[in-house]
Protein backbone atom coordinates (compact mmCIF):
# COMPACT_ATOMS: atom_id res chain seq x y z
CA MET A 1 -15.14 -13.15 3.33
CA ALA A 2 -15.01 -14.70 0.21
CA ASN A 3 -12.29 -13.18 -1.24
CA LYS A 4 -12.03 -12.68 -5.34
CA LYS A 5 -7.78 -12.31 -6.83
CA PRO A 6 -6.87 -11.67 -9.87
CA ASN A 7 -5.27 -15.27 -10.87
CA ILE A 8 -2.78 -13.11 -12.79
CA PRO A 9 -1.46 -16.41 -14.53
CA ASN A 10 2.49 -17.33 -14.57
CA PRO A 11 3.70 -13.87 -13.21
CA THR A 12 6.61 -12.78 -13.83
CA ASP A 13 8.12 -11.29 -10.90
CA ARG A 14 7.01 -10.38 -7.05
CA PHE A 15 4.37 -7.63 -7.97
CA GLY A 16 2.79 -10.26 -10.14
CA GLU A 17 2.39 -12.22 -7.41
CA PHE A 18 1.48 -9.72 -4.63
CA LEU A 19 -1.31 -9.13 -6.80
CA ASN A 20 -2.47 -12.58 -7.30
CA LYS A 21 -2.51 -12.73 -3.54
CA THR A 22 -4.64 -8.83 -2.98
CA ASP A 23 -7.90 -9.15 -1.70
CA PHE A 24 -9.49 -6.50 -4.14
CA LYS A 25 -12.85 -7.08 -2.53
CA GLU A 26 -11.32 -5.80 1.01
CA LEU A 27 -8.96 -2.85 -0.76
CA LYS A 28 -12.45 -1.80 -2.23
CA ALA A 29 -13.66 -1.85 1.36
CA GLN A 30 -11.07 -0.54 3.07
CA LYS A 31 -10.99 2.58 -0.04
CA SER A 32 -14.26 3.22 0.87
CA ALA A 33 -13.66 3.67 5.17
CA LEU A 34 -10.86 5.66 4.11
CA TYR A 35 -13.70 8.22 2.47
CA LYS A 36 -15.50 8.18 5.79
CA ILE A 37 -12.17 8.48 7.50
CA GLN A 38 -11.40 11.34 5.65
CA ALA A 39 -15.48 12.93 6.05
CA LYS A 40 -15.47 12.97 9.68
CA LEU A 41 -12.11 14.39 10.50
CA GLU A 42 -14.08 17.19 8.56
CA LYS A 43 -15.74 17.71 11.96
CA PRO A 44 -14.84 18.91 15.68
CA LYS A 45 -14.28 15.96 17.86
CA PRO A 46 -14.10 12.65 14.77
CA LYS A 47 -15.30 9.25 16.51
CA PHE A 48 -13.85 6.14 14.62
CA THR A 49 -15.09 2.67 14.79
CA GLN A 50 -13.54 -0.10 15.10
CA LYS A 51 -13.91 -1.15 11.25
CA GLU A 52 -12.36 2.29 10.69
CA TRP A 53 -9.15 1.37 12.23
CA ASP A 54 -9.00 -1.35 11.29
CA ALA A 55 -9.49 -0.39 7.38
CA LEU A 56 -6.98 2.32 8.17
CA GLU A 57 -4.32 -0.82 9.16
CA GLY A 58 -4.98 -2.10 5.73
CA LEU A 59 -4.95 -0.26 3.59
CA ILE A 60 -1.46 0.88 5.27
CA ASN A 61 -0.22 -2.94 5.52
CA PHE A 62 -1.39 -2.61 2.00
CA ILE A 63 1.31 0.59 1.14
CA ASP A 64 3.61 -0.85 3.19
CA ALA A 65 4.31 -4.27 1.34
CA ILE A 66 3.64 -2.44 -2.38
CA GLN A 67 7.60 -0.11 -0.76
CA ASP A 68 9.23 -3.88 0.19
CA ILE A 69 8.72 -4.62 -3.06
CA ALA A 70 9.97 -1.44 -4.29
CA VAL A 71 13.36 -1.68 -3.09
CA ASP A 72 13.59 -5.42 -2.63
CA GLU A 73 12.88 -6.96 -6.43
CA TYR A 74 13.30 -2.96 -8.21
CA GLY A 75 16.78 -1.60 -6.02
CA VAL A 76 14.22 1.87 -4.97
CA LYS A 77 17.18 3.24 -2.61
CA GLU A 78 14.67 2.74 0.92
CA THR A 79 15.25 6.51 1.33
CA LYS A 80 13.37 7.12 -1.62
CA VAL A 81 10.41 5.09 -0.52
CA PHE A 82 10.51 5.08 3.64
CA ARG A 83 10.14 7.52 6.09
CA ILE A 84 13.74 6.71 7.86
CA SER A 85 14.61 10.51 9.24
CA ARG A 86 12.67 14.01 10.10
CA LYS A 87 14.24 15.74 6.40
CA ASP A 88 12.52 12.88 4.65
CA LYS A 89 8.98 13.90 5.25
């Protein structure tokens, strides 16, 4: 898949670098799949395609990368960003 990336010139931090690596075409497709999954969940006994599961995995990985940057680069506490214990639900 051809990916058109934002190409932020001279990113000053890890988040800018992260955005330059983001495939926004794929992200848009994953978001669309997420809407379809949401609609399916409203029906009894929903069934999902491999493409929908792949989209979910991609979104989870994307969110995980954002969380890593928040902790590693911006000093946000891990307990605030990640689900570390049951009480943090």
